[in-house]
Amino acid sequence: MIPNRDLNPNDMLVLTPAQAGQLLNVCRSKVYDLVKSGELATITLYKGGPLRILRTDLDAFVAGRKEAMTQAIEEHLDRVQPRRHMTPPQSRN
């Protein structure tokens, strides 16, 4: 069977690193960096086969990055914004 290269990566269950990069809007080498660092899981479909990324693993990676970023933003805002439970300074009249 010849693979259909016209398929949209959004519709695929298993992606090549290049297709994963296309969905993440990064180059293929950045995908390999994420794999090497252990941040993005991969599989091979058969012994000695090429590296593939499950779409569910890619979605989980993105969700994890979003959660980490949201938490970092909340922590930053807690440091730079005044606490709501604190009373404002009294004006000197």
PDB file of N, CA and C in Angstrom:
ATOM      1  N   MET A   1       0.843  -1.180   0.000  1.00  0.00           N
ATOM      2  CA  MET A   1       0.000   0.000   0.000  1.00  0.00           C
ATOM      3  C   MET A   1       0.886   1.240   0.000  1.00  0.00           C
ATOM      4  N   ILE A   2       0.595   2.173  -0.861  1.00  0.00           N
ATOM      5  CA  ILE A   2       1.341   3.425  -0.950  1.00  0.00           C
ATOM      6  C   ILE A   2       0.684   4.443  -0.030  1.00  0.00           C
ATOM      7  N   PRO A   3       1.480   5.075   0.882  1.00  0.00           N
ATOM      8  CA  PRO A   3       0.875   6.049   1.792  1.00  0.00           C
ATOM      9  C   PRO A   3       0.341   7.257   1.040  1.00  0.00           C
ATOM     10  N   ASN A   4      -0.751   7.784   1.500  1.00  0.00           N
ATOM     11  CA  ASN A   4      -1.362   8.963   0.906  1.00  0.00           C
ATOM     12  C   ASN A   4      -0.706  10.198   1.511  1.00  0.00           C
ATOM     13  N   ARG A   5       0.156  10.847   0.767  1.00  0.00           N
ATOM     14  CA  ARG A   5       0.887  12.029   1.251  1.00  0.00           C
ATOM     15  C   ARG A   5      -0.017  13.261   1.329  1.00  0.00           C
ATOM     16  N   ASP A   6      -1.229  13.170   0.795  1.00  0.00           N
ATOM     17  CA  ASP A   6      -2.139  14.309   0.799  1.00  0.00           C
ATOM     18  C   ASP A   6      -2.985  14.388   2.068  1.00  0.00           C
ATOM     19  N   LEU A   7      -2.843  13.407   2.958  1.00  0.00           N
ATOM     20  CA  LEU A   7      -3.626  13.431   4.190  1.00  0.00           C
ATOM     21  C   LEU A   7      -3.220  14.618   5.056  1.00  0.00           C
ATOM     22  N   ASN A   8      -4.170  15.203   5.694  1.00  0.00           N
ATOM     23  CA  ASN A   8      -3.926  16.287   6.629  1.00  0.00           C
ATOM     24  C   ASN A   8      -3.399  15.685   7.935  1.00  0.00           C
ATOM     25  N   PRO A   9      -2.273  16.172   8.490  1.00  0.00           N
ATOM     26  CA  PRO A   9      -1.766  15.627   9.746  1.00  0.00           C
ATOM     27  C   PRO A   9      -2.784  15.680  10.890  1.00  0.00           C
ATOM     28  N   ASN A  10      -3.731  16.605  10.824  1.00  0.00           N
ATOM     29  CA  ASN A  10      -4.772  16.672  11.856  1.00  0.00           C
ATOM     30  C   ASN A  10      -5.638  15.416  11.880  1.00  0.00           C
ATOM     31  N   ASP A  11      -5.694  14.702  10.758  1.00  0.00           N
ATOM     32  CA  ASP A  11      -6.542  13.524  10.637  1.00  0.00           C
ATOM     33  C   ASP A  11      -5.791  12.215  10.878  1.00  0.00           C
ATOM     34  N   MET A  12      -4.497  12.296  11.174  1.00  0.00           N
ATOM     35  CA  MET A  12      -3.678  11.101  11.283  1.00  0.00           C
ATOM     36  C   MET A  12      -3.487  10.678  12.735  1.00  0.00           C
ATOM     37  N   LEU A  13      -3.415   9.367  12.968  1.00  0.00           N
ATOM     38  CA  LEU A  13      -3.168   8.828  14.300  1.00  0.00           C
ATOM     39  C   LEU A  13      -1.687   8.756  14.627  1.00  0.00           C
ATOM     40  N   VAL A  14      -0.871   8.500  13.616  1.00  0.00           N
ATOM     41  CA  VAL A  14       0.569   8.351  13.780  1.00  0.00           C
ATOM     42  C   VAL A  14       1.252   9.330  12.840  1.00  0.00           C
ATOM     43  N   LEU A  15       2.211  10.086  13.378  1.00  0.00           N
ATOM     44  CA  LEU A  15       2.852  11.154  12.612  1.00  0.00           C
ATOM     45  C   LEU A  15       4.347  10.926  12.472  1.00  0.00           C
ATOM     46  N   THR A  16       4.910  11.401  11.388  1.00  0.00           N
ATOM     47  CA  THR A  16       6.357  11.471  11.258  1.00  0.00           C
ATOM     48  C   THR A  16       6.828  12.687  12.052  1.00  0.00           C
ATOM     49  N   PRO A  17       8.114  12.771  12.368  1.00  0.00           N
ATOM     50  CA  PRO A  17       8.606  13.983  13.036  1.00  0.00           C
ATOM     51  C   PRO A  17       8.334  15.254  12.222  1.00  0.00           C
ATOM     52  N   ALA A  18       8.424  15.173  10.907  1.00  0.00           N
ATOM     53  CA  ALA A  18       8.133  16.343  10.072  1.00  0.00           C
ATOM     54  C   ALA A  18       6.669  16.755  10.195  1.00  0.00           C
ATOM     55  N   GLN A  19       5.752  15.792  10.220  1.00  0.00           N
ATOM     56  CA  GLN A  19       4.330  16.108  10.359  1.00  0.00           C
ATOM     57  C   GLN A  19       4.038  16.681  11.741  1.00  0.00           C
ATOM     58  N   ALA A  20       4.671  16.123  12.768  1.00  0.00           N
ATOM     59  CA  ALA A  20       4.495  16.663  14.115  1.00  0.00           C
ATOM     60  C   ALA A  20       5.006  18.099  14.177  1.00  0.00           C
ATOM     61  N   GLY A  21       6.138  18.347  13.526  1.00  0.00           N
ATOM     62  CA  GLY A  21       6.673  19.697  13.469  1.00  0.00           C
ATOM     63  C   GLY A  21       5.737  20.653  12.767  1.00  0.00           C
ATOM     64  N   GLN A  22       5.103  20.167  11.705  1.00  0.00           N
ATOM     65  CA  GLN A  22       4.136  20.997  10.975  1.00  0.00           C
ATOM     66  C   GLN A  22       2.989  21.405  11.897  1.00  0.00           C
ATOM     67  N   LEU A  23       2.498  20.471  12.701  1.00  0.00           N
ATOM     68  CA  LEU A  23       1.395  20.787  13.605  1.00  0.00           C
ATOM     69  C   LEU A  23       1.830  21.712  14.738  1.00  0.00           C
ATOM     70  N   LEU A  24       3.090  21.578  15.181  1.00  0.00           N
ATOM     71  CA  LEU A  24       3.604  22.434  16.252  1.00  0.00           C
ATOM     72  C   LEU A  24       4.155  23.761  15.726  1.00  0.00           C
ATOM     73  N   ASN A  25       4.255  23.859  14.414  1.00  0.00           N
ATOM     74  CA  ASN A  25       4.823  25.038  13.753  1.00  0.00           C
ATOM     75  C   ASN A  25       6.296  25.219  14.137  1.00  0.00           C
ATOM     76  N   VAL A  26       7.027  24.093  14.172  1.00  0.00           N
ATOM     77  CA  VAL A  26       8.468  24.099  14.405  1.00  0.00           C
ATOM     78  C   VAL A  26       9.112  23.187  13.356  1.00  0.00           C
ATOM     79  N   CYS A  27      10.426  23.280  13.229  1.00  0.00           N
ATOM     80  CA  CYS A  27      11.112  22.435  12.256  1.00  0.00           C
ATOM     81  C   CYS A  27      11.264  21.005  12.781  1.00  0.00           C
ATOM     82  N   ARG A  28      11.533  20.108  11.873  1.00  0.00           N
ATOM     83  CA  ARG A  28      11.681  18.694  12.209  1.00  0.00           C
ATOM     84  C   ARG A  28      12.797  18.482  13.228  1.00  0.00           C
ATOM     85  N   SER A  29      13.890  19.231  13.110  1.00  0.00           N
ATOM     86  CA  SER A  29      14.998  19.046  14.057  1.00  0.00           C
ATOM     87  C   SER A  29      14.598  19.421  15.478  1.00  0.00           C
ATOM     88  N   LYS A  30      13.690  20.380  15.639  1.00  0.00           N
ATOM     89  CA  LYS A  30      13.200  20.731  16.983  1.00  0.00           C
ATOM     90  C   LYS A  30      12.384  19.580  17.561  1.00  0.00           C
ATOM     91  N   VAL A  31      11.629  18.895  16.720  1.00  0.00           N
ATOM     92  CA  VAL A  31      10.879  17.720  17.169  1.00  0.00           C
ATOM     93  C   VAL A  31      11.859  16.654  17.669  1.00  0.00           C
ATOM     94  N   TYR A  32      12.942  16.430  16.925  1.00  0.00           N
ATOM     95  CA  TYR A  32      13.953  15.468  17.362  1.00  0.00           C
ATOM     96  C   TYR A  32      14.588  15.913  18.684  1.00  0.00           C
ATOM     97  N   ASP A  33      14.789  17.208  18.876  1.00  0.00           N
ATOM     98  CA  ASP A  33      15.306  17.716  20.155  1.00  0.00           C
ATOM     99  C   ASP A  33      14.342  17.396  21.301  1.00  0.00           C
ATOM    100  N   LEU A  34      13.045  17.568  21.061  1.00  0.00           N
ATOM    101  CA  LEU A  34      12.038  17.264  22.086  1.00  0.00           C
ATOM    102  C   LEU A  34      12.017  15.769  22.408  1.00  0.00           C
ATOM    103  N   VAL A  35      12.206  14.951  21.391  1.00  0.00           N
ATOM    104  CA  VAL A  35      12.261  13.499  21.583  1.00  0.00           C
ATOM    105  C   VAL A  35      13.501  13.133  22.387  1.00  0.00           C
ATOM    106  N   LYS A  36      14.644  13.682  21.991  1.00  0.00           N
ATOM    107  CA  LYS A  36      15.910  13.373  22.658  1.00  0.00           C
ATOM    108  C   LYS A  36      15.884  13.776  24.128  1.00  0.00           C
ATOM    109  N   SER A  37      15.231  14.896  24.437  1.00  0.00           N
ATOM    110  CA  SER A  37      15.161  15.370  25.821  1.00  0.00           C
ATOM    111  C   SER A  37      14.137  14.596  26.655  1.00  0.00           C
ATOM    112  N   GLY A  38      13.342  13.755  25.997  1.00  0.00           N
ATOM    113  CA  GLY A  38      12.337  12.976  26.706  1.00  0.00           C
ATOM    114  C   GLY A  38      11.012  13.691  26.892  1.00  0.00           C
ATOM    115  N   GLU A  39      10.877  14.877  26.324  1.00  0.00           N
ATOM    116  CA  GLU A  39       9.641  15.640  26.467  1.00  0.00           C
ATOM    117  C   GLU A  39       8.519  15.131  25.575  1.00  0.00           C
ATOM    118  N   LEU A  40       8.888  14.461  24.490  1.00  0.00           N
ATOM    119  CA  LEU A  40       7.895  13.968  23.530  1.00  0.00           C
ATOM    120  C   LEU A  40       8.137  12.482  23.296  1.00  0.00           C
ATOM    121  N   ALA A  41       7.118  11.686  23.536  1.00  0.00           N
ATOM    122  CA  ALA A  41       7.224  10.228  23.397  1.00  0.00           C
ATOM    123  C   ALA A  41       7.146   9.814  21.932  1.00  0.00           C
ATOM    124  N   THR A  42       7.802   8.698  21.619  1.00  0.00           N
ATOM    125  CA  THR A  42       7.782   8.162  20.262  1.00  0.00           C
ATOM    126  C   THR A  42       7.561   6.653  20.290  1.00  0.00           C
ATOM    127  N   ILE A  43       7.254   6.116  19.119  1.00  0.00           N
ATOM    128  CA  ILE A  43       7.121   4.671  18.947  1.00  0.00           C
ATOM    129  C   ILE A  43       7.790   4.291  17.628  1.00  0.00           C
ATOM    130  N   THR A  44       8.011   3.012  17.446  1.00  0.00           N
ATOM    131  CA  THR A  44       8.322   2.463  16.127  1.00  0.00           C
ATOM    132  C   THR A  44       7.261   1.408  15.868  1.00  0.00           C
ATOM    133  N   LEU A  45       6.796   1.349  14.664  1.00  0.00           N
ATOM    134  CA  LEU A  45       5.711   0.429  14.337  1.00  0.00           C
ATOM    135  C   LEU A  45       6.203  -0.997  14.149  1.00  0.00           C
ATOM    136  N   TYR A  46       7.485  -1.164  13.885  1.00  0.00           N
ATOM    137  CA  TYR A  46       8.085  -2.494  13.755  1.00  0.00           C
ATOM    138  C   TYR A  46       9.560  -2.372  14.101  1.00  0.00           C
ATOM    139  N   LYS A  47      10.188  -3.474  14.465  1.00  0.00           N
ATOM    140  CA  LYS A  47      11.585  -3.473  14.890  1.00  0.00           C
ATOM    141  C   LYS A  47      12.469  -2.848  13.810  1.00  0.00           C
ATOM    142  N   GLY A  48      13.228  -1.851  14.217  1.00  0.00           N
ATOM    143  CA  GLY A  48      14.107  -1.166  13.281  1.00  0.00           C
ATOM    144  C   GLY A  48      13.413  -0.150  12.400  1.00  0.00           C
ATOM    145  N   GLY A  49      12.125   0.038  12.635  1.00  0.00           N
ATOM    146  CA  GLY A  49      11.351   0.968  11.812  1.00  0.00           C
ATOM    147  C   GLY A  49      11.629   2.418  12.174  1.00  0.00           C
ATOM    148  N   PRO A  50      11.134   3.317  11.349  1.00  0.00           N
ATOM    149  CA  PRO A  50      11.364   4.743  11.594  1.00  0.00           C
ATOM    150  C   PRO A  50      10.572   5.253  12.803  1.00  0.00           C
ATOM    151  N   LEU A  51      11.059   6.323  13.350  1.00  0.00           N
ATOM    152  CA  LEU A  51      10.458   6.974  14.506  1.00  0.00           C
ATOM    153  C   LEU A  51       9.089   7.541  14.128  1.00  0.00           C
ATOM    154  N   ARG A  52       8.106   7.322  15.001  1.00  0.00           N
ATOM    155  CA  ARG A  52       6.775   7.887  14.788  1.00  0.00           C
ATOM    156  C   ARG A  52       6.255   8.460  16.109  1.00  0.00           C
ATOM    157  N   ILE A  53       5.327   9.388  16.003  1.00  0.00           N
ATOM    158  CA  ILE A  53       4.745  10.053  17.165  1.00  0.00           C
ATOM    159  C   ILE A  53       3.238   9.862  17.108  1.00  0.00           C
ATOM    160  N   LEU A  54       2.682   9.301  18.181  1.00  0.00           N
ATOM    161  CA  LEU A  54       1.230   9.158  18.246  1.00  0.00           C
ATOM    162  C   LEU A  54       0.595  10.534  18.397  1.00  0.00           C
ATOM    163  N   ARG A  55      -0.489  10.747  17.705  1.00  0.00           N
ATOM    164  CA  ARG A  55      -1.179  12.039  17.796  1.00  0.00           C
ATOM    165  C   ARG A  55      -1.614  12.324  19.232  1.00  0.00           C
ATOM    166  N   THR A  56      -2.001  11.292  19.962  1.00  0.00           N
ATOM    167  CA  THR A  56      -2.409  11.487  21.360  1.00  0.00           C
ATOM    168  C   THR A  56      -1.229  11.947  22.215  1.00  0.00           C
ATOM    169  N   ASP A  57      -0.014  11.439  21.925  1.00  0.00           N
ATOM    170  CA  ASP A  57       1.177  11.889  22.661  1.00  0.00           C
ATOM    171  C   ASP A  57       1.509  13.339  22.324  1.00  0.00           C
ATOM    172  N   LEU A  58       1.318  13.719  21.072  1.00  0.00           N
ATOM    173  CA  LEU A  58       1.559  15.108  20.685  1.00  0.00           C
ATOM    174  C   LEU A  58       0.556  16.033  21.377  1.00  0.00           C
ATOM    175  N   ASP A  59      -0.703  15.625  21.411  1.00  0.00           N
ATOM    176  CA  ASP A  59      -1.730  16.421  22.093  1.00  0.00           C
ATOM    177  C   ASP A  59      -1.434  16.538  23.593  1.00  0.00           C
ATOM    178  N   ALA A  60      -0.979  15.438  24.201  1.00  0.00           N
ATOM    179  CA  ALA A  60      -0.637  15.465  25.630  1.00  0.00           C
ATOM    180  C   ALA A  60       0.553  16.392  25.886  1.00  0.00           C
ATOM    181  N   PHE A  61       1.537  16.376  24.989  1.00  0.00           N
ATOM    182  CA  PHE A  61       2.684  17.274  25.117  1.00  0.00           C
ATOM    183  C   PHE A  61       2.224  18.735  25.104  1.00  0.00           C
ATOM    184  N   VAL A  62       1.372  19.080  24.152  1.00  0.00           N
ATOM    185  CA  VAL A  62       0.882  20.460  24.033  1.00  0.00           C
ATOM    186  C   VAL A  62       0.067  20.838  25.274  1.00  0.00           C
ATOM    187  N   ALA A  63      -0.793  19.940  25.727  1.00  0.00           N
ATOM    188  CA  ALA A  63      -1.602  20.223  26.923  1.00  0.00           C
ATOM    189  C   ALA A  63      -0.709  20.438  28.142  1.00  0.00           C
ATOM    190  N   GLY A  64       0.336  19.637  28.261  1.00  0.00           N
ATOM    191  CA  GLY A  64       1.263  19.791  29.376  1.00  0.00           C
ATOM    192  C   GLY A  64       2.004  21.108  29.327  1.00  0.00           C
ATOM    193  N   ARG A  65       2.414  21.525  28.132  1.00  0.00           N
ATOM    194  CA  ARG A  65       3.098  22.815  27.987  1.00  0.00           C
ATOM    195  C   ARG A  65       2.140  23.955  28.315  1.00  0.00           C
ATOM    196  N   LYS A  66       0.886  23.815  27.897  1.00  0.00           N
ATOM    197  CA  LYS A  66      -0.101  24.860  28.175  1.00  0.00           C
ATOM    198  C   LYS A  66      -0.342  24.974  29.673  1.00  0.00           C
ATOM    199  N   GLU A  67      -0.448  23.831  30.345  1.00  0.00           N
ATOM    200  CA  GLU A  67      -0.660  23.828  31.795  1.00  0.00           C
ATOM    201  C   GLU A  67       0.530  24.454  32.518  1.00  0.00           C
ATOM    202  N   ALA A  68       1.740  24.097  32.097  1.00  0.00           N
ATOM    203  CA  ALA A  68       2.942  24.656  32.719  1.00  0.00           C
ATOM    204  C   ALA A  68       3.006  26.168  32.507  1.00  0.00           C
ATOM    205  N   MET A  69       2.660  26.628  31.315  1.00  0.00           N
ATOM    206  CA  MET A  69       2.686  28.059  31.030  1.00  0.00           C
ATOM    207  C   MET A  69       1.629  28.801  31.838  1.00  0.00           C
ATOM    208  N   THR A  70       0.442  28.230  31.952  1.00  0.00           N
ATOM    209  CA  THR A  70      -0.621  28.853  32.740  1.00  0.00           C
ATOM    210  C   THR A  70      -0.196  28.986  34.200  1.00  0.00           C
ATOM    211  N   GLN A  71       0.411  27.944  34.738  1.00  0.00           N
ATOM    212  CA  GLN A  71       0.875  27.975  36.123  1.00  0.00           C
ATOM    213  C   GLN A  71       1.976  29.022  36.301  1.00  0.00           C
ATOM    214  N   ALA A  72       2.904  29.108  35.355  1.00  0.00           N
ATOM    215  CA  ALA A  72       3.979  30.098  35.442  1.00  0.00           C
ATOM    216  C   ALA A  72       3.422  31.517  35.399  1.00  0.00           C
ATOM    217  N   ILE A  73       2.424  31.752  34.564  1.00  0.00           N
ATOM    218  CA  ILE A  73       1.806  33.077  34.476  1.00  0.00           C
ATOM    219  C   ILE A  73       1.109  33.419  35.783  1.00  0.00           C
ATOM    220  N   GLU A  74       0.375  32.463  36.339  1.00  0.00           N
ATOM    221  CA  GLU A  74      -0.316  32.708  37.610  1.00  0.00           C
ATOM    222  C   GLU A  74       0.679  33.014  38.729  1.00  0.00           C
ATOM    223  N   GLU A  75       1.786  32.288  38.780  1.00  0.00           N
ATOM    224  CA  GLU A  75       2.806  32.543  39.794  1.00  0.00           C
ATOM    225  C   GLU A  75       3.424  33.926  39.606  1.00  0.00           C
ATOM    226  N   HIS A  76       3.659  34.313  38.362  1.00  0.00           N
ATOM    227  CA  HIS A  76       4.212  35.632  38.081  1.00  0.00           C
ATOM    228  C   HIS A  76       3.236  36.726  38.533  1.00  0.00           C
ATOM    229  N   LEU A  77       1.969  36.562  38.175  1.00  0.00           N
ATOM    230  CA  LEU A  77       0.973  37.569  38.560  1.00  0.00           C
ATOM    231  C   LEU A  77       0.839  37.666  40.069  1.00  0.00           C
ATOM    232  N   ASP A  78       0.957  36.553  40.768  1.00  0.00           N
ATOM    233  CA  ASP A  78       0.903  36.584  42.230  1.00  0.00           C
ATOM    234  C   ASP A  78       2.051  37.417  42.801  1.00  0.00           C
ATOM    235  N   ARG A  79       3.200  37.395  42.135  1.00  0.00           N
ATOM    236  CA  ARG A  79       4.354  38.154  42.627  1.00  0.00           C
ATOM    237  C   ARG A  79       4.253  39.639  42.307  1.00  0.00           C
ATOM    238  N   VAL A  80       3.711  39.993  41.150  1.00  0.00           N
ATOM    239  CA  VAL A  80       3.735  41.394  40.723  1.00  0.00           C
ATOM    240  C   VAL A  80       2.455  42.162  41.020  1.00  0.00           C
ATOM    241  N   GLN A  81       1.361  41.497  41.225  1.00  0.00           N
ATOM    242  CA  GLN A  81       0.112  42.194  41.513  1.00  0.00           C
ATOM    243  C   GLN A  81      -0.119  42.211  43.015  1.00  0.00           C
ATOM    244  N   PRO A  82      -0.667  43.303  43.519  1.00  0.00           N
ATOM    245  CA  PRO A  82      -0.972  43.344  44.954  1.00  0.00           C
ATOM    246  C   PRO A  82      -2.006  42.289  45.317  1.00  0.00           C
ATOM    247  N   ARG A  83      -1.878  41.760  46.485  1.00  0.00           N
ATOM    248  CA  ARG A  83      -2.839  40.763  46.969  1.00  0.00           C
ATOM    249  C   ARG A  83      -4.190  41.425  47.185  1.00  0.00           C
ATOM    250  N   ARG A  84      -5.236  40.734  46.866  1.00  0.00           N
ATOM    251  CA  ARG A  84      -6.582  41.306  47.005  1.00  0.00           C
ATOM    252  C   ARG A  84      -7.031  41.380  48.457  1.00  0.00           C
ATOM    253  N   HIS A  85      -6.473  40.506  49.288  1.00  0.00           N
ATOM    254  CA  HIS A  85      -6.905  40.502  50.679  1.00  0.00           C
ATOM    255  C   HIS A  85      -6.201  41.576  51.502  1.00  0.00           C
ATOM    256  N   MET A  86      -5.215  42.236  50.919  1.00  0.00           N
ATOM    257  CA  MET A  86      -4.513  43.292  51.626  1.00  0.00           C
ATOM    258  C   MET A  86      -5.312  44.585  51.522  1.00  0.00           C
ATOM    259  N   THR A  87      -5.270  45.386  52.563  1.00  0.00           N
ATOM    260  CA  THR A  87      -5.979  46.653  52.525  1.00  0.00           C
ATOM    261  C   THR A  87      -5.079  47.684  51.853  1.00  0.00           C
ATOM    262  N   PRO A  88      -5.647  48.560  51.069  1.00  0.00           N
ATOM    263  CA  PRO A  88      -4.832  49.579  50.399  1.00  0.00           C
ATOM    264  C   PRO A  88      -4.257  50.548  51.425  1.00  0.00           C
ATOM    265  N   PRO A  89      -3.141  51.197  51.109  1.00  0.00           N
ATOM    266  CA  PRO A  89      -2.550  52.161  52.040  1.00  0.00           C
ATOM    267  C   PRO A  89      -3.509  53.312  52.316  1.00  0.00           C
ATOM    268  N   GLN A  90      -3.474  53.779  53.545  1.00  0.00           N
ATOM    269  CA  GLN A  90      -4.330  54.904  53.954  1.00  0.00           C
ATOM    270  C   GLN A  90      -3.726  56.201  53.434  1.00  0.00           C
ATOM    271  N   SER A  91      -4.587  57.079  52.957  1.00  0.00           N
ATOM    272  CA  SER A  91      -4.102  58.385  52.503  1.00  0.00           C
ATOM    273  C   SER A  91      -3.902  59.290  53.713  1.00  0.00           C
ATOM    274  N   ARG A  92      -2.895  60.138  53.631  1.00  0.00           N
ATOM    275  CA  ARG A  92      -2.614  61.062  54.737  1.00  0.00           C
ATOM    276  C   ARG A  92      -3.316  62.387  54.461  1.00  0.00           C
ATOM    277  N   ASN A  93      -4.311  62.684  55.235  1.00  0.00           N
ATOM    278  CA  ASN A  93      -5.043  63.966  55.087  1.00  0.00           C
ATOM    279  C   ASN A  93      -4.758  64.836  56.241  1.00  0.00           C
TER     280      ASN A  93
END
